[in-house]
Amino acid sequence: MKKYILGSAMILLVSISIVAISWKAAELPRPQQQTVKNIAADSLYNSYILNLYHAVHLDSAGLNEEVFEKALTGFYNMKYSGLLHNKSILSIADFDQESRKKRLYIIDLDQKKLLLNTWVAHGQNSGGDKPSNFSNRISSNQSSIGFYLTGEIYYGKHGRSLKLDGMDQGFNNNARERAIVVHGADYVCQETINQLGRLGRSQGCPAVSAKLANQVINTIADKTVLFINNSDAPYSSSFLNETLAASMAMNEQEVMAAQVD
């Protein structure tokens, strides 16, 4: 009888231990819990990017989704860093495309609207119709890729222009010294494309049509993001932290949803 009672007690203890272990296994360690949260946030962020990409009709406008994802990730990283003002404007100059294509995209992220899709020139030493060479060096007359923050409006030799601050060390941080600005140019037009088979080229500035210069400048001025892209050129940036961007974007969407409710 004693052996029976002892055996039953042992079975009960083992059963309790197994249940306790199973409960502990269900509770992941904190680092693993954070990993799961990050994966979930990344998944939601990817869905958000894709939905926004199609809502703005960037696919039909000719912008690659991966380029948009890079630019949007940089936008949220720069916003998190407190670099931006209140405008939700993101501009993308996609130098994967030829100059004869309308490769400048100015997007209102809050309104989910493509405000402007037009031509933009690259530097004369960056290549012919499609740029392939990029530099941060002074007097290189090449375009510089990476993230920029729009600065102050001023009047210079090209008329009303917009200064730019290059935010990527080693890639475009010499923008001020090189006088890399947004300005209008007569060689950015259909007539030049008809004559040369491409746009005219700048000394490294993202020059736009003289007819649209004021509209472009007014829209993107006051601490907004400009991303100049080339997928083939070596490039890295501290603003391409996707985990941070996902967290920032999802928090922002939650706030907007709460305001609507």
C-alpha atoms as a PDB file:
ATOM      1  CA  MET A   1       0.000   0.000   0.000  1.00  0.00           C
ATOM      2  CA  LYS A   2       2.829   2.375   0.928  1.00  0.00           C
ATOM      3  CA  LYS A   3       4.591   1.538  -2.334  1.00  0.00           C
ATOM      4  CA  TYR A   4       1.371   2.303  -4.204  1.00  0.00           C
ATOM      5  CA  ILE A   5       0.938   5.696  -2.478  1.00  0.00           C
ATOM      6  CA  LEU A   6       4.615   6.553  -3.072  1.00  0.00           C
ATOM      7  CA  GLY A   7       4.356   5.589  -6.738  1.00  0.00           C
ATOM      8  CA  SER A   8       1.229   7.725  -7.186  1.00  0.00           C
ATOM      9  CA  ALA A   9       2.944  10.701  -5.561  1.00  0.00           C
ATOM     10  CA  MET A  10       5.910  10.377  -7.885  1.00  0.00           C
ATOM     11  CA  ILE A  11       3.652  10.276 -10.947  1.00  0.00           C
ATOM     12  CA  LEU A  12       1.838  13.407  -9.692  1.00  0.00           C
ATOM     13  CA  LEU A  13       5.124  15.275  -9.174  1.00  0.00           C
ATOM     14  CA  VAL A  14       6.380  14.330 -12.640  1.00  0.00           C
ATOM     15  CA  SER A  15       3.089  15.471 -14.172  1.00  0.00           C
ATOM     16  CA  ILE A  16       3.285  18.833 -12.389  1.00  0.00           C
ATOM     17  CA  SER A  17       6.889  19.255 -13.551  1.00  0.00           C
ATOM     18  CA  ILE A  18       5.967  18.543 -17.174  1.00  0.00           C
ATOM     19  CA  VAL A  19       3.136  21.100 -17.035  1.00  0.00           C
ATOM     20  CA  ALA A  20       5.470  23.684 -15.484  1.00  0.00           C
ATOM     21  CA  ILE A  21       8.107  23.087 -18.160  1.00  0.00           C
ATOM     22  CA  SER A  22       5.505  23.387 -20.929  1.00  0.00           C
ATOM     23  CA  TRP A  23       4.328  26.738 -19.522  1.00  0.00           C
ATOM     24  CA  LYS A  24       7.923  28.044 -19.408  1.00  0.00           C
ATOM     25  CA  ALA A  25       8.512  26.887 -22.976  1.00  0.00           C
ATOM     26  CA  ALA A  26       5.489  28.866 -24.111  1.00  0.00           C
ATOM     27  CA  GLU A  27       6.968  32.036 -22.616  1.00  0.00           C
ATOM     28  CA  LEU A  28       9.813  32.917 -24.958  1.00  0.00           C
ATOM     29  CA  PRO A  29      12.848  34.735 -23.591  1.00  0.00           C
ATOM     30  CA  ARG A  30      12.702  38.494 -24.094  1.00  0.00           C
ATOM     31  CA  PRO A  31      15.241  38.600 -26.952  1.00  0.00           C
ATOM     32  CA  GLN A  32      13.180  36.009 -28.823  1.00  0.00           C
ATOM     33  CA  GLN A  33       9.956  37.864 -28.072  1.00  0.00           C
ATOM     34  CA  GLN A  34      11.501  41.007 -29.558  1.00  0.00           C
ATOM     35  CA  THR A  35      12.596  39.053 -32.624  1.00  0.00           C
ATOM     36  CA  VAL A  36       9.027  37.823 -33.136  1.00  0.00           C
ATOM     37  CA  LYS A  37       7.739  41.399 -32.755  1.00  0.00           C
ATOM     38  CA  ASN A  38      10.298  42.648 -35.279  1.00  0.00           C
ATOM     39  CA  ILE A  39       9.305  39.976 -37.778  1.00  0.00           C
ATOM     40  CA  ALA A  40       5.634  40.908 -37.361  1.00  0.00           C
ATOM     41  CA  ALA A  41       6.431  44.620 -37.750  1.00  0.00           C
ATOM     42  CA  ASP A  42       8.525  43.921 -40.850  1.00  0.00           C
ATOM     43  CA  SER A  43       5.687  41.901 -42.358  1.00  0.00           C
ATOM     44  CA  LEU A  44       3.186  44.696 -41.717  1.00  0.00           C
ATOM     45  CA  TYR A  45       5.692  47.242 -43.047  1.00  0.00           C
ATOM     46  CA  ASN A  46       6.158  45.259 -46.262  1.00  0.00           C
ATOM     47  CA  SER A  47       2.389  45.144 -46.742  1.00  0.00           C
ATOM     48  CA  TYR A  48       2.190  48.879 -46.032  1.00  0.00           C
ATOM     49  CA  ILE A  49       4.904  49.620 -48.612  1.00  0.00           C
ATOM     50  CA  LEU A  50       3.202  47.510 -51.267  1.00  0.00           C
ATOM     51  CA  ASN A  51      -0.224  49.036 -50.610  1.00  0.00           C
ATOM     52  CA  LEU A  52       1.189  52.557 -50.673  1.00  0.00           C
ATOM     53  CA  TYR A  53       3.177  51.819 -53.834  1.00  0.00           C
ATOM     54  CA  HIS A  54       0.007  50.768 -55.671  1.00  0.00           C
ATOM     55  CA  ALA A  55      -2.184  53.474 -54.106  1.00  0.00           C
ATOM     56  CA  VAL A  56       0.156  56.169 -55.458  1.00  0.00           C
ATOM     57  CA  HIS A  57       0.245  54.346 -58.851  1.00  0.00           C
ATOM     58  CA  LEU A  58       4.040  54.276 -58.837  1.00  0.00           C
ATOM     59  CA  ASP A  59       4.010  51.013 -60.753  1.00  0.00           C
ATOM     60  CA  SER A  60       2.333  52.612 -63.780  1.00  0.00           C
ATOM     61  CA  ALA A  61       4.575  55.690 -63.387  1.00  0.00           C
ATOM     62  CA  GLY A  62       7.654  53.487 -63.875  1.00  0.00           C
ATOM     63  CA  LEU A  63       9.228  53.469 -60.410  1.00  0.00           C
ATOM     64  CA  ASN A  64      10.591  50.140 -59.198  1.00  0.00           C
ATOM     65  CA  GLU A  65       9.088  48.945 -55.902  1.00  0.00           C
ATOM     66  CA  GLU A  66      12.512  48.210 -54.376  1.00  0.00           C
ATOM     67  CA  VAL A  67      13.658  51.762 -55.091  1.00  0.00           C
ATOM     68  CA  PHE A  68      10.514  53.097 -53.429  1.00  0.00           C
ATOM     69  CA  GLU A  69      11.137  50.858 -50.417  1.00  0.00           C
ATOM     70  CA  LYS A  70      14.680  52.215 -49.991  1.00  0.00           C
ATOM     71  CA  ALA A  71      13.491  55.807 -50.257  1.00  0.00           C
ATOM     72  CA  LEU A  72      10.588  55.274 -47.838  1.00  0.00           C
ATOM     73  CA  THR A  73      12.851  53.543 -45.316  1.00  0.00           C
ATOM     74  CA  GLY A  74      15.191  56.524 -45.418  1.00  0.00           C
ATOM     75  CA  PHE A  75      12.246  58.888 -44.986  1.00  0.00           C
ATOM     76  CA  TYR A  76      11.150  57.184 -41.760  1.00  0.00           C
ATOM     77  CA  ASN A  77      14.698  56.960 -40.431  1.00  0.00           C
ATOM     78  CA  MET A  78      15.217  60.672 -41.026  1.00  0.00           C
ATOM     79  CA  LYS A  79      11.849  61.456 -39.477  1.00  0.00           C
ATOM     80  CA  TYR A  80      12.760  59.386 -36.417  1.00  0.00           C
ATOM     81  CA  SER A  81      16.009  61.371 -36.159  1.00  0.00           C
ATOM     82  CA  GLY A  82      13.998  64.608 -35.939  1.00  0.00           C
ATOM     83  CA  LEU A  83      15.419  65.983 -39.191  1.00  0.00           C
ATOM     84  CA  LEU A  84      12.108  66.632 -40.932  1.00  0.00           C
ATOM     85  CA  HIS A  85       9.477  69.310 -40.482  1.00  0.00           C
ATOM     86  CA  ASN A  86       5.752  68.722 -40.910  1.00  0.00           C
ATOM     87  CA  LYS A  87       5.628  67.993 -44.637  1.00  0.00           C
ATOM     88  CA  SER A  88       5.113  64.341 -45.578  1.00  0.00           C
ATOM     89  CA  ILE A  89       6.839  64.850 -48.943  1.00  0.00           C
ATOM     90  CA  LEU A  90       9.228  62.258 -50.367  1.00  0.00           C
ATOM     91  CA  SER A  91      11.085  62.947 -53.626  1.00  0.00           C
ATOM     92  CA  ILE A  92      12.910  60.255 -55.591  1.00  0.00           C
ATOM     93  CA  ALA A  93      15.294  60.831 -58.496  1.00  0.00           C
ATOM     94  CA  ASP A  94      15.727  57.350 -59.936  1.00  0.00           C
ATOM     95  CA  PHE A  95      19.002  57.258 -61.845  1.00  0.00           C
ATOM     96  CA  ASP A  96      18.443  53.605 -62.724  1.00  0.00           C
ATOM     97  CA  GLN A  97      16.400  55.142 -65.530  1.00  0.00           C
ATOM     98  CA  GLU A  98      17.511  57.026 -68.621  1.00  0.00           C
ATOM     99  CA  SER A  99      17.327  60.817 -68.599  1.00  0.00           C
ATOM    100  CA  ARG A 100      14.732  60.885 -71.387  1.00  0.00           C
ATOM    101  CA  LYS A 101      12.299  59.206 -68.975  1.00  0.00           C
ATOM    102  CA  LYS A 102      10.372  61.111 -66.334  1.00  0.00           C
ATOM    103  CA  ARG A 103      12.360  59.745 -63.408  1.00  0.00           C
ATOM    104  CA  LEU A 104      11.678  62.350 -60.696  1.00  0.00           C
ATOM    105  CA  TYR A 105       8.801  61.385 -58.412  1.00  0.00           C
ATOM    106  CA  ILE A 106       7.421  63.801 -55.810  1.00  0.00           C
ATOM    107  CA  ILE A 107       5.046  61.999 -53.455  1.00  0.00           C
ATOM    108  CA  ASP A 108       2.720  63.172 -50.684  1.00  0.00           C
ATOM    109  CA  LEU A 109       2.779  60.191 -48.323  1.00  0.00           C
ATOM    110  CA  ASP A 110      -0.117  61.369 -46.142  1.00  0.00           C
ATOM    111  CA  GLN A 111      -2.382  62.003 -49.137  1.00  0.00           C
ATOM    112  CA  LYS A 112      -1.044  58.886 -50.938  1.00  0.00           C
ATOM    113  CA  LYS A 113      -0.672  60.968 -54.059  1.00  0.00           C
ATOM    114  CA  LEU A 114       1.939  61.413 -56.776  1.00  0.00           C
ATOM    115  CA  LEU A 115       2.170  65.195 -56.927  1.00  0.00           C
ATOM    116  CA  LEU A 116       4.618  65.406 -59.809  1.00  0.00           C
ATOM    117  CA  ASN A 117       6.414  63.027 -62.171  1.00  0.00           C
ATOM    118  CA  THR A 118       8.857  64.803 -64.426  1.00  0.00           C
ATOM    119  CA  TRP A 119      12.378  64.934 -65.891  1.00  0.00           C
ATOM    120  CA  VAL A 120      15.516  65.506 -63.850  1.00  0.00           C
ATOM    121  CA  ALA A 121      19.072  65.892 -65.161  1.00  0.00           C
ATOM    122  CA  HIS A 122      22.248  64.224 -63.928  1.00  0.00           C
ATOM    123  CA  GLY A 123      25.866  65.411 -63.961  1.00  0.00           C
ATOM    124  CA  GLN A 124      27.732  65.688 -67.268  1.00  0.00           C
ATOM    125  CA  ASN A 125      30.531  63.359 -66.087  1.00  0.00           C
ATOM    126  CA  SER A 126      28.097  60.754 -64.784  1.00  0.00           C
ATOM    127  CA  GLY A 127      27.281  59.411 -68.228  1.00  0.00           C
ATOM    128  CA  GLY A 128      25.202  59.948 -71.353  1.00  0.00           C
ATOM    129  CA  ASP A 129      21.512  59.129 -71.304  1.00  0.00           C
ATOM    130  CA  LYS A 130      21.853  56.760 -68.356  1.00  0.00           C
ATOM    131  CA  PRO A 131      24.296  57.699 -65.557  1.00  0.00           C
ATOM    132  CA  SER A 132      26.804  55.146 -64.342  1.00  0.00           C
ATOM    133  CA  ASN A 133      29.467  57.209 -62.545  1.00  0.00           C
ATOM    134  CA  PHE A 134      28.901  59.036 -59.272  1.00  0.00           C
ATOM    135  CA  SER A 135      31.125  61.109 -57.053  1.00  0.00           C
ATOM    136  CA  ASN A 136      31.165  63.201 -53.900  1.00  0.00           C
ATOM    137  CA  ARG A 137      34.323  65.045 -54.992  1.00  0.00           C
ATOM    138  CA  ILE A 138      34.396  68.800 -55.534  1.00  0.00           C
ATOM    139  CA  SER A 139      34.645  69.762 -59.245  1.00  0.00           C
ATOM    140  CA  SER A 140      33.847  66.200 -60.349  1.00  0.00           C
ATOM    141  CA  ASN A 141      30.744  67.371 -62.270  1.00  0.00           C
ATOM    142  CA  GLN A 142      29.143  64.059 -61.349  1.00  0.00           C
ATOM    143  CA  SER A 143      25.913  63.361 -59.534  1.00  0.00           C
ATOM    144  CA  SER A 144      26.014  62.092 -55.942  1.00  0.00           C
ATOM    145  CA  ILE A 145      23.631  59.371 -54.820  1.00  0.00           C
ATOM    146  CA  GLY A 146      21.973  59.072 -51.421  1.00  0.00           C
ATOM    147  CA  PHE A 147      19.642  60.904 -49.075  1.00  0.00           C
ATOM    148  CA  TYR A 148      19.376  64.680 -49.066  1.00  0.00           C
ATOM    149  CA  LEU A 149      17.521  67.150 -46.878  1.00  0.00           C
ATOM    150  CA  THR A 150      16.126  70.180 -48.673  1.00  0.00           C
ATOM    151  CA  GLY A 151      17.470  73.485 -47.395  1.00  0.00           C
ATOM    152  CA  GLU A 152      16.813  77.154 -48.027  1.00  0.00           C
ATOM    153  CA  ILE A 153      15.558  78.880 -51.168  1.00  0.00           C
ATOM    154  CA  TYR A 154      17.858  81.450 -52.742  1.00  0.00           C
ATOM    155  CA  TYR A 155      18.419  83.320 -56.006  1.00  0.00           C
ATOM    156  CA  GLY A 156      21.584  82.406 -57.909  1.00  0.00           C
ATOM    157  CA  LYS A 157      22.920  82.156 -61.463  1.00  0.00           C
ATOM    158  CA  HIS A 158      20.108  79.732 -62.326  1.00  0.00           C
ATOM    159  CA  GLY A 159      17.432  81.937 -60.788  1.00  0.00           C
ATOM    160  CA  ARG A 160      15.310  80.709 -57.913  1.00  0.00           C
ATOM    161  CA  SER A 161      17.002  77.598 -56.522  1.00  0.00           C
ATOM    162  CA  LEU A 162      16.885  75.250 -53.538  1.00  0.00           C
ATOM    163  CA  LYS A 163      19.938  74.258 -51.506  1.00  0.00           C
ATOM    164  CA  LEU A 164      20.502  70.644 -50.505  1.00  0.00           C
ATOM    165  CA  ASP A 165      22.287  69.005 -47.592  1.00  0.00           C
ATOM    166  CA  GLY A 166      23.769  65.593 -48.358  1.00  0.00           C
ATOM    167  CA  MET A 167      23.143  63.284 -45.409  1.00  0.00           C
ATOM    168  CA  ASP A 168      25.305  60.291 -46.359  1.00  0.00           C
ATOM    169  CA  GLN A 169      28.937  60.601 -45.315  1.00  0.00           C
ATOM    170  CA  GLY A 170      31.271  59.756 -48.170  1.00  0.00           C
ATOM    171  CA  PHE A 171      28.517  59.720 -50.775  1.00  0.00           C
ATOM    172  CA  ASN A 172      26.964  63.198 -50.887  1.00  0.00           C
ATOM    173  CA  ASN A 173      28.044  65.136 -47.776  1.00  0.00           C
ATOM    174  CA  ASN A 174      29.981  67.638 -49.924  1.00  0.00           C
ATOM    175  CA  ALA A 175      26.759  68.886 -51.528  1.00  0.00           C
ATOM    176  CA  ARG A 176      27.008  72.334 -49.943  1.00  0.00           C
ATOM    177  CA  GLU A 177      30.628  72.830 -50.938  1.00  0.00           C
ATOM    178  CA  ARG A 178      29.868  71.616 -54.446  1.00  0.00           C
ATOM    179  CA  ALA A 179      26.808  73.899 -54.714  1.00  0.00           C
ATOM    180  CA  ILE A 180      24.586  70.922 -55.532  1.00  0.00           C
ATOM    181  CA  VAL A 181      21.100  72.451 -55.665  1.00  0.00           C
ATOM    182  CA  VAL A 182      17.710  72.007 -57.289  1.00  0.00           C
ATOM    183  CA  HIS A 183      17.331  74.578 -60.080  1.00  0.00           C
ATOM    184  CA  GLY A 184      15.587  75.059 -63.378  1.00  0.00           C
ATOM    185  CA  ALA A 185      17.403  74.544 -66.675  1.00  0.00           C
ATOM    186  CA  ASP A 186      16.390  75.120 -70.298  1.00  0.00           C
ATOM    187  CA  TYR A 187      18.064  71.846 -71.333  1.00  0.00           C
ATOM    188  CA  VAL A 188      15.584  69.805 -69.297  1.00  0.00           C
ATOM    189  CA  CYS A 189      12.780  69.558 -71.847  1.00  0.00           C
ATOM    190  CA  GLN A 190      11.315  67.472 -74.663  1.00  0.00           C
ATOM    191  CA  GLU A 191      13.023  69.628 -77.302  1.00  0.00           C
ATOM    192  CA  THR A 192      16.472  68.675 -75.988  1.00  0.00           C
ATOM    193  CA  ILE A 193      15.491  64.999 -75.945  1.00  0.00           C
ATOM    194  CA  ASN A 194      14.338  65.313 -79.561  1.00  0.00           C
ATOM    195  CA  GLN A 195      17.680  66.880 -80.551  1.00  0.00           C
ATOM    196  CA  LEU A 196      20.119  64.796 -78.511  1.00  0.00           C
ATOM    197  CA  GLY A 197      18.201  61.656 -77.651  1.00  0.00           C
ATOM    198  CA  ARG A 198      18.641  62.571 -73.969  1.00  0.00           C
ATOM    199  CA  LEU A 199      18.360  65.526 -71.597  1.00  0.00           C
ATOM    200  CA  GLY A 200      21.116  68.069 -71.259  1.00  0.00           C
ATOM    201  CA  ARG A 201      23.339  67.532 -68.241  1.00  0.00           C
ATOM    202  CA  SER A 202      24.283  69.606 -65.216  1.00  0.00           C
ATOM    203  CA  GLN A 203      27.462  70.011 -63.194  1.00  0.00           C
ATOM    204  CA  GLY A 204      26.061  67.520 -60.703  1.00  0.00           C
ATOM    205  CA  CYS A 205      22.799  69.210 -59.733  1.00  0.00           C
ATOM    206  CA  PRO A 206      19.409  67.498 -60.014  1.00  0.00           C
ATOM    207  CA  ALA A 207      18.208  70.154 -62.475  1.00  0.00           C
ATOM    208  CA  VAL A 208      14.553  70.238 -63.502  1.00  0.00           C
ATOM    209  CA  SER A 209      12.544  71.910 -66.235  1.00  0.00           C
ATOM    210  CA  ALA A 210      12.715  75.713 -66.082  1.00  0.00           C
ATOM    211  CA  LYS A 211       8.936  75.771 -66.495  1.00  0.00           C
ATOM    212  CA  LEU A 212       8.424  73.549 -63.446  1.00  0.00           C
ATOM    213  CA  ALA A 213      11.250  74.779 -61.226  1.00  0.00           C
ATOM    214  CA  ASN A 214       9.085  76.999 -59.002  1.00  0.00           C
ATOM    215  CA  GLN A 215       6.481  74.260 -58.539  1.00  0.00           C
ATOM    216  CA  VAL A 216       9.143  71.695 -57.647  1.00  0.00           C
ATOM    217  CA  ILE A 217      10.940  74.041 -55.252  1.00  0.00           C
ATOM    218  CA  ASN A 218       7.749  75.169 -53.509  1.00  0.00           C
ATOM    219  CA  THR A 219       6.621  71.578 -53.057  1.00  0.00           C
ATOM    220  CA  ILE A 220       9.814  70.050 -51.670  1.00  0.00           C
ATOM    221  CA  ALA A 221      11.268  73.013 -49.738  1.00  0.00           C
ATOM    222  CA  ASP A 222      11.444  73.119 -45.920  1.00  0.00           C
ATOM    223  CA  LYS A 223      13.272  69.999 -44.699  1.00  0.00           C
ATOM    224  CA  THR A 224      11.874  67.239 -46.897  1.00  0.00           C
ATOM    225  CA  VAL A 225      13.652  64.121 -48.175  1.00  0.00           C
ATOM    226  CA  LEU A 226      15.174  63.773 -51.633  1.00  0.00           C
ATOM    227  CA  PHE A 227      16.621  60.363 -52.472  1.00  0.00           C
ATOM    228  CA  ILE A 228      18.878  60.050 -55.517  1.00  0.00           C
ATOM    229  CA  ASN A 229      19.068  56.376 -56.431  1.00  0.00           C
ATOM    230  CA  ASN A 230      21.318  54.159 -58.486  1.00  0.00           C
ATOM    231  CA  SER A 231      21.090  50.459 -57.744  1.00  0.00           C
ATOM    232  CA  ASP A 232      24.372  49.511 -59.430  1.00  0.00           C
ATOM    233  CA  ALA A 233      26.648  51.944 -57.583  1.00  0.00           C
ATOM    234  CA  PRO A 234      28.239  50.894 -54.258  1.00  0.00           C
ATOM    235  CA  TYR A 235      26.154  52.524 -51.533  1.00  0.00           C
ATOM    236  CA  SER A 236      25.373  52.188 -47.845  1.00  0.00           C
ATOM    237  CA  SER A 237      23.508  54.463 -45.473  1.00  0.00           C
ATOM    238  CA  SER A 238      22.717  54.694 -41.775  1.00  0.00           C
ATOM    239  CA  PHE A 239      19.193  55.692 -42.873  1.00  0.00           C
ATOM    240  CA  LEU A 240      18.417  52.264 -44.327  1.00  0.00           C
ATOM    241  CA  ASN A 241      17.515  50.680 -40.977  1.00  0.00           C
ATOM    242  CA  GLU A 242      14.367  48.744 -41.931  1.00  0.00           C
ATOM    243  CA  THR A 243      13.512  47.655 -38.373  1.00  0.00           C
ATOM    244  CA  LEU A 244      13.459  51.262 -37.197  1.00  0.00           C
ATOM    245  CA  ALA A 245      11.476  52.353 -40.250  1.00  0.00           C
ATOM    246  CA  ALA A 246       8.931  49.558 -39.725  1.00  0.00           C
ATOM    247  CA  SER A 247       8.425  50.527 -36.091  1.00  0.00           C
ATOM    248  CA  MET A 248       8.092  54.228 -36.951  1.00  0.00           C
ATOM    249  CA  ALA A 249       5.685  53.618 -39.827  1.00  0.00           C
ATOM    250  CA  MET A 250       3.448  51.238 -37.870  1.00  0.00           C
ATOM    251  CA  ASN A 251       3.287  53.573 -34.857  1.00  0.00           C
ATOM    252  CA  GLU A 252       2.334  56.407 -37.170  1.00  0.00           C
ATOM    253  CA  GLN A 253      -0.416  54.343 -38.782  1.00  0.00           C
ATOM    254  CA  GLU A 254      -1.792  53.412 -35.355  1.00  0.00           C
ATOM    255  CA  VAL A 255      -1.928  57.085 -34.352  1.00  0.00           C
ATOM    256  CA  MET A 256      -3.694  58.025 -37.593  1.00  0.00           C
ATOM    257  CA  ALA A 257      -6.202  55.187 -37.155  1.00  0.00           C
ATOM    258  CA  ALA A 258      -6.929  56.305 -33.573  1.00  0.00           C
ATOM    259  CA  GLN A 259      -7.544  59.869 -34.775  1.00  0.00           C
ATOM    260  CA  VAL A 260     -10.057  58.632 -37.343  1.00  0.00           C
ATOM    261  CA  ASP A 261     -11.902  56.593 -34.691  1.00  0.00           C
END
